[in-house]
Amino acid sequence: MSTQDARKRLELLQGTPDLVILRTLIFGSQHGQGIARAIQDTSGKEQLVEHMALCPALQRPEDAGRKRLVQETNEWKRLTGAIVRVLGPEGAEG
């Protein structure tokens, strides 16, 4: 078994597919499999996304664009910042 197989991949959290799809599409249009591959590559192979799992997100209307990407990115940064603050500094467990 390779180290890639041995390492557990991170799963996309609910609500994040739209964000990562929009971020991926900022570099140009792609089909589902290309988007899934780009997410896997840019995440350092940490996120394995089946292109069929992206279908619901890809079928949503494209009324979002860059404005939605900025809004969702800011919301995601706020959420992850809050989680980091709740978890506290590393090594605090003693």
N, C-alpha and C. Protein backbone atom coordinates (compact mmCIF):
# COMPACT_ATOMS: atom_id res chain seq x y z
N MET A 1 0.86 -1.17 0.00
CA MET A 1 0.00 0.00 0.00
C MET A 1 0.90 1.23 0.00
N SER A 2 0.58 2.20 -0.86
CA SER A 2 1.39 3.40 -0.95
C SER A 2 1.08 4.33 0.21
N THR A 3 1.99 5.30 0.43
CA THR A 3 1.75 6.27 1.50
C THR A 3 0.51 7.09 1.20
N GLN A 4 0.23 7.30 -0.08
CA GLN A 4 -0.97 8.05 -0.45
C GLN A 4 -2.21 7.28 -0.02
N ASP A 5 -2.21 5.96 -0.19
CA ASP A 5 -3.35 5.15 0.22
C ASP A 5 -3.43 5.06 1.74
N ALA A 6 -2.29 5.04 2.40
CA ALA A 6 -2.26 4.90 3.85
C ALA A 6 -2.75 6.15 4.55
N ARG A 7 -2.57 7.27 3.93
CA ARG A 7 -2.95 8.55 4.54
C ARG A 7 -4.44 8.79 4.28
N LYS A 8 -5.15 9.10 5.33
CA LYS A 8 -6.58 9.38 5.17
C LYS A 8 -6.75 10.74 4.52
N ARG A 9 -7.52 10.78 3.46
CA ARG A 9 -7.77 12.04 2.76
C ARG A 9 -8.84 12.83 3.48
N LEU A 10 -8.75 14.13 3.34
CA LEU A 10 -9.74 15.02 3.94
C LEU A 10 -11.00 15.05 3.08
N GLU A 11 -12.14 15.02 3.70
CA GLU A 11 -13.39 15.09 2.97
C GLU A 11 -13.86 16.54 2.94
N LEU A 12 -14.52 16.92 1.86
CA LEU A 12 -15.08 18.27 1.78
C LEU A 12 -16.21 18.39 2.78
N LEU A 13 -16.21 19.46 3.54
CA LEU A 13 -17.28 19.72 4.48
C LEU A 13 -18.52 20.21 3.74
N GLN A 14 -19.66 20.01 4.36
CA GLN A 14 -20.90 20.48 3.75
C GLN A 14 -20.80 21.98 3.50
N GLY A 15 -21.17 22.39 2.30
CA GLY A 15 -21.12 23.81 1.95
C GLY A 15 -19.84 24.25 1.29
N THR A 16 -18.80 23.42 1.31
CA THR A 16 -17.54 23.82 0.71
C THR A 16 -17.40 23.49 -0.77
N PRO A 17 -18.16 22.54 -1.34
CA PRO A 17 -17.98 22.27 -2.76
C PRO A 17 -18.14 23.51 -3.64
N ASP A 18 -19.15 24.33 -3.36
CA ASP A 18 -19.33 25.54 -4.17
C ASP A 18 -18.09 26.42 -4.13
N LEU A 19 -17.54 26.57 -2.94
CA LEU A 19 -16.37 27.43 -2.76
C LEU A 19 -15.16 26.90 -3.54
N VAL A 20 -14.85 25.62 -3.41
CA VAL A 20 -13.68 25.09 -4.11
C VAL A 20 -13.91 25.00 -5.62
N ILE A 21 -15.16 24.77 -6.03
CA ILE A 21 -15.46 24.76 -7.46
C ILE A 21 -15.27 26.15 -8.04
N LEU A 22 -15.83 27.17 -7.38
CA LEU A 22 -15.67 28.54 -7.87
C LEU A 22 -14.20 28.94 -7.93
N ARG A 23 -13.45 28.55 -6.91
CA ARG A 23 -12.01 28.88 -6.88
C ARG A 23 -11.28 28.18 -8.02
N THR A 24 -11.65 26.94 -8.29
CA THR A 24 -11.01 26.19 -9.37
C THR A 24 -11.37 26.79 -10.73
N LEU A 25 -12.62 27.21 -10.90
CA LEU A 25 -13.06 27.74 -12.18
C LEU A 25 -12.53 29.14 -12.48
N ILE A 26 -11.95 29.80 -11.48
CA ILE A 26 -11.38 31.12 -11.72
C ILE A 26 -10.23 31.03 -12.73
N PHE A 27 -9.64 29.86 -12.85
CA PHE A 27 -8.53 29.64 -13.78
C PHE A 27 -9.00 29.24 -15.18
N GLY A 28 -10.30 29.08 -15.35
CA GLY A 28 -10.85 28.71 -16.65
C GLY A 28 -11.89 27.61 -16.50
N SER A 29 -12.77 27.51 -17.50
CA SER A 29 -13.84 26.52 -17.42
C SER A 29 -13.28 25.10 -17.58
N GLN A 30 -13.92 24.18 -16.89
CA GLN A 30 -13.53 22.77 -16.93
C GLN A 30 -14.77 21.92 -16.76
N HIS A 31 -14.65 20.65 -17.12
CA HIS A 31 -15.74 19.70 -16.89
C HIS A 31 -15.56 19.09 -15.49
N GLY A 32 -16.53 18.30 -15.05
CA GLY A 32 -16.53 17.75 -13.70
C GLY A 32 -15.27 17.00 -13.33
N GLN A 33 -14.80 16.14 -14.22
CA GLN A 33 -13.60 15.36 -13.91
C GLN A 33 -12.37 16.26 -13.79
N GLY A 34 -12.30 17.28 -14.64
CA GLY A 34 -11.18 18.22 -14.58
C GLY A 34 -11.19 19.02 -13.29
N ILE A 35 -12.38 19.41 -12.84
CA ILE A 35 -12.51 20.14 -11.58
C ILE A 35 -12.07 19.25 -10.42
N ALA A 36 -12.54 18.00 -10.42
CA ALA A 36 -12.17 17.06 -9.35
C ALA A 36 -10.66 16.85 -9.32
N ARG A 37 -10.05 16.71 -10.48
CA ARG A 37 -8.59 16.53 -10.56
C ARG A 37 -7.86 17.76 -10.06
N ALA A 38 -8.35 18.95 -10.45
CA ALA A 38 -7.71 20.20 -10.02
C ALA A 38 -7.78 20.37 -8.50
N ILE A 39 -8.93 20.02 -7.91
CA ILE A 39 -9.07 20.10 -6.45
C ILE A 39 -8.09 19.16 -5.78
N GLN A 40 -7.99 17.96 -6.31
CA GLN A 40 -7.05 16.98 -5.74
C GLN A 40 -5.62 17.48 -5.86
N ASP A 41 -5.25 17.99 -7.01
CA ASP A 41 -3.88 18.46 -7.23
C ASP A 41 -3.54 19.66 -6.37
N THR A 42 -4.43 20.66 -6.34
CA THR A 42 -4.11 21.88 -5.58
C THR A 42 -4.19 21.67 -4.08
N SER A 43 -4.86 20.62 -3.62
CA SER A 43 -4.93 20.34 -2.19
C SER A 43 -3.75 19.48 -1.74
N GLY A 44 -2.81 19.25 -2.62
CA GLY A 44 -1.67 18.41 -2.26
C GLY A 44 -2.07 16.96 -2.10
N LYS A 45 -3.06 16.55 -2.89
CA LYS A 45 -3.59 15.18 -2.88
C LYS A 45 -4.30 14.84 -1.57
N GLU A 46 -4.67 15.87 -0.77
CA GLU A 46 -5.37 15.65 0.49
C GLU A 46 -6.86 15.44 0.29
N GLN A 47 -7.41 16.02 -0.76
CA GLN A 47 -8.85 15.89 -1.00
C GLN A 47 -9.08 15.10 -2.27
N LEU A 48 -9.73 13.97 -2.12
CA LEU A 48 -10.10 13.15 -3.26
C LEU A 48 -11.59 13.36 -3.48
N VAL A 49 -11.93 13.97 -4.60
CA VAL A 49 -13.32 14.29 -4.90
C VAL A 49 -13.73 13.52 -6.15
N GLU A 50 -14.74 12.72 -6.00
CA GLU A 50 -15.29 12.02 -7.16
C GLU A 50 -16.04 13.04 -8.00
N HIS A 51 -15.80 13.04 -9.31
CA HIS A 51 -16.45 14.07 -10.13
C HIS A 51 -17.97 13.95 -10.09
N MET A 52 -18.49 12.76 -9.86
CA MET A 52 -19.94 12.61 -9.76
C MET A 52 -20.49 13.27 -8.49
N ALA A 53 -19.67 13.36 -7.46
CA ALA A 53 -20.10 14.02 -6.23
C ALA A 53 -20.23 15.53 -6.43
N LEU A 54 -19.59 16.05 -7.45
CA LEU A 54 -19.66 17.47 -7.73
C LEU A 54 -20.89 17.85 -8.55
N CYS A 55 -21.56 16.86 -9.13
CA CYS A 55 -22.69 17.14 -10.03
C CYS A 55 -23.74 18.06 -9.43
N PRO A 56 -24.21 17.84 -8.20
CA PRO A 56 -25.22 18.76 -7.66
C PRO A 56 -24.73 20.21 -7.61
N ALA A 57 -23.50 20.40 -7.21
CA ALA A 57 -22.95 21.75 -7.14
C ALA A 57 -22.78 22.35 -8.53
N LEU A 58 -22.42 21.52 -9.50
CA LEU A 58 -22.23 22.02 -10.85
C LEU A 58 -23.55 22.36 -11.54
N GLN A 59 -24.63 21.78 -11.06
CA GLN A 59 -25.92 22.04 -11.68
C GLN A 59 -26.59 23.31 -11.15
N ARG A 60 -26.04 23.89 -10.09
CA ARG A 60 -26.61 25.12 -9.57
C ARG A 60 -26.41 26.24 -10.58
N PRO A 61 -27.30 27.21 -10.60
CA PRO A 61 -27.15 28.32 -11.56
C PRO A 61 -25.84 29.08 -11.34
N GLU A 62 -25.31 29.60 -12.41
CA GLU A 62 -24.05 30.34 -12.33
C GLU A 62 -24.30 31.81 -12.04
N ASP A 63 -25.13 32.09 -11.03
CA ASP A 63 -25.41 33.47 -10.67
C ASP A 63 -24.41 33.98 -9.64
N ALA A 64 -23.41 33.17 -9.35
CA ALA A 64 -22.46 33.47 -8.27
C ALA A 64 -21.31 34.33 -8.75
N GLY A 65 -20.44 33.71 -9.52
CA GLY A 65 -19.28 34.41 -10.04
C GLY A 65 -18.30 34.83 -8.97
N ARG A 66 -17.50 35.84 -9.32
CA ARG A 66 -16.43 36.29 -8.44
C ARG A 66 -16.94 36.88 -7.12
N LYS A 67 -18.07 37.58 -7.17
CA LYS A 67 -18.61 38.19 -5.96
C LYS A 67 -18.93 37.11 -4.93
N ARG A 68 -19.57 36.03 -5.38
CA ARG A 68 -19.90 34.94 -4.47
C ARG A 68 -18.64 34.25 -3.96
N LEU A 69 -17.65 34.11 -4.82
CA LEU A 69 -16.39 33.50 -4.40
C LEU A 69 -15.77 34.31 -3.27
N VAL A 70 -15.75 35.63 -3.42
CA VAL A 70 -15.18 36.50 -2.38
C VAL A 70 -15.98 36.36 -1.09
N GLN A 71 -17.32 36.38 -1.20
CA GLN A 71 -18.16 36.27 0.00
C GLN A 71 -17.95 34.93 0.71
N GLU A 72 -17.97 33.85 -0.05
CA GLU A 72 -17.82 32.54 0.56
C GLU A 72 -16.42 32.32 1.12
N THR A 73 -15.42 32.88 0.45
CA THR A 73 -14.05 32.78 0.96
C THR A 73 -13.93 33.50 2.29
N ASN A 74 -14.49 34.70 2.37
CA ASN A 74 -14.45 35.47 3.62
C ASN A 74 -15.19 34.74 4.74
N GLU A 75 -16.36 34.16 4.43
CA GLU A 75 -17.10 33.40 5.44
C GLU A 75 -16.31 32.18 5.91
N TRP A 76 -15.68 31.49 4.97
CA TRP A 76 -14.89 30.30 5.31
C TRP A 76 -13.70 30.68 6.20
N LYS A 77 -13.04 31.79 5.88
CA LYS A 77 -11.91 32.24 6.71
C LYS A 77 -12.37 32.61 8.11
N ARG A 78 -13.54 33.24 8.23
CA ARG A 78 -14.07 33.58 9.55
C ARG A 78 -14.37 32.31 10.34
N LEU A 79 -15.00 31.32 9.69
CA LEU A 79 -15.35 30.07 10.35
C LEU A 79 -14.11 29.33 10.81
N THR A 80 -13.13 29.18 9.92
CA THR A 80 -11.93 28.43 10.30
C THR A 80 -11.14 29.17 11.37
N GLY A 81 -11.14 30.51 11.32
CA GLY A 81 -10.48 31.29 12.37
C GLY A 81 -11.13 31.06 13.72
N ALA A 82 -12.46 31.02 13.74
CA ALA A 82 -13.18 30.76 14.98
C ALA A 82 -12.87 29.37 15.52
N ILE A 83 -12.81 28.39 14.64
CA ILE A 83 -12.51 27.02 15.06
C ILE A 83 -11.09 26.95 15.63
N VAL A 84 -10.15 27.60 14.99
CA VAL A 84 -8.76 27.61 15.49
C VAL A 84 -8.72 28.25 16.87
N ARG A 85 -9.47 29.34 17.08
CA ARG A 85 -9.48 29.99 18.39
C ARG A 85 -10.09 29.07 19.45
N VAL A 86 -11.14 28.32 19.10
CA VAL A 86 -11.76 27.40 20.05
C VAL A 86 -10.80 26.27 20.40
N LEU A 87 -10.09 25.76 19.41
CA LEU A 87 -9.16 24.65 19.66
C LEU A 87 -7.96 25.09 20.47
N GLY A 88 -7.62 26.36 20.41
CA GLY A 88 -6.50 26.89 21.18
C GLY A 88 -5.17 26.58 20.53
N PRO A 89 -4.12 27.09 21.15
CA PRO A 89 -2.78 26.88 20.58
C PRO A 89 -2.37 25.40 20.64
N GLU A 90 -1.58 25.01 19.69
CA GLU A 90 -1.07 23.63 19.66
C GLU A 90 -0.21 23.37 20.89
N GLY A 91 -0.30 22.19 21.37
CA GLY A 91 0.52 21.81 22.50
C GLY A 91 -0.07 22.24 23.84
N ALA A 92 -1.25 22.84 23.86
CA ALA A 92 -1.85 23.31 25.11
C ALA A 92 -2.36 22.17 25.97
N GLU A 93 -2.47 20.98 25.36
CA GLU A 93 -2.99 19.84 26.11
C GLU A 93 -2.02 19.36 27.18
N GLY A 94 -0.76 19.69 26.99
CA GLY A 94 0.22 19.42 28.02
C GLY A 94 0.86 18.11 27.90
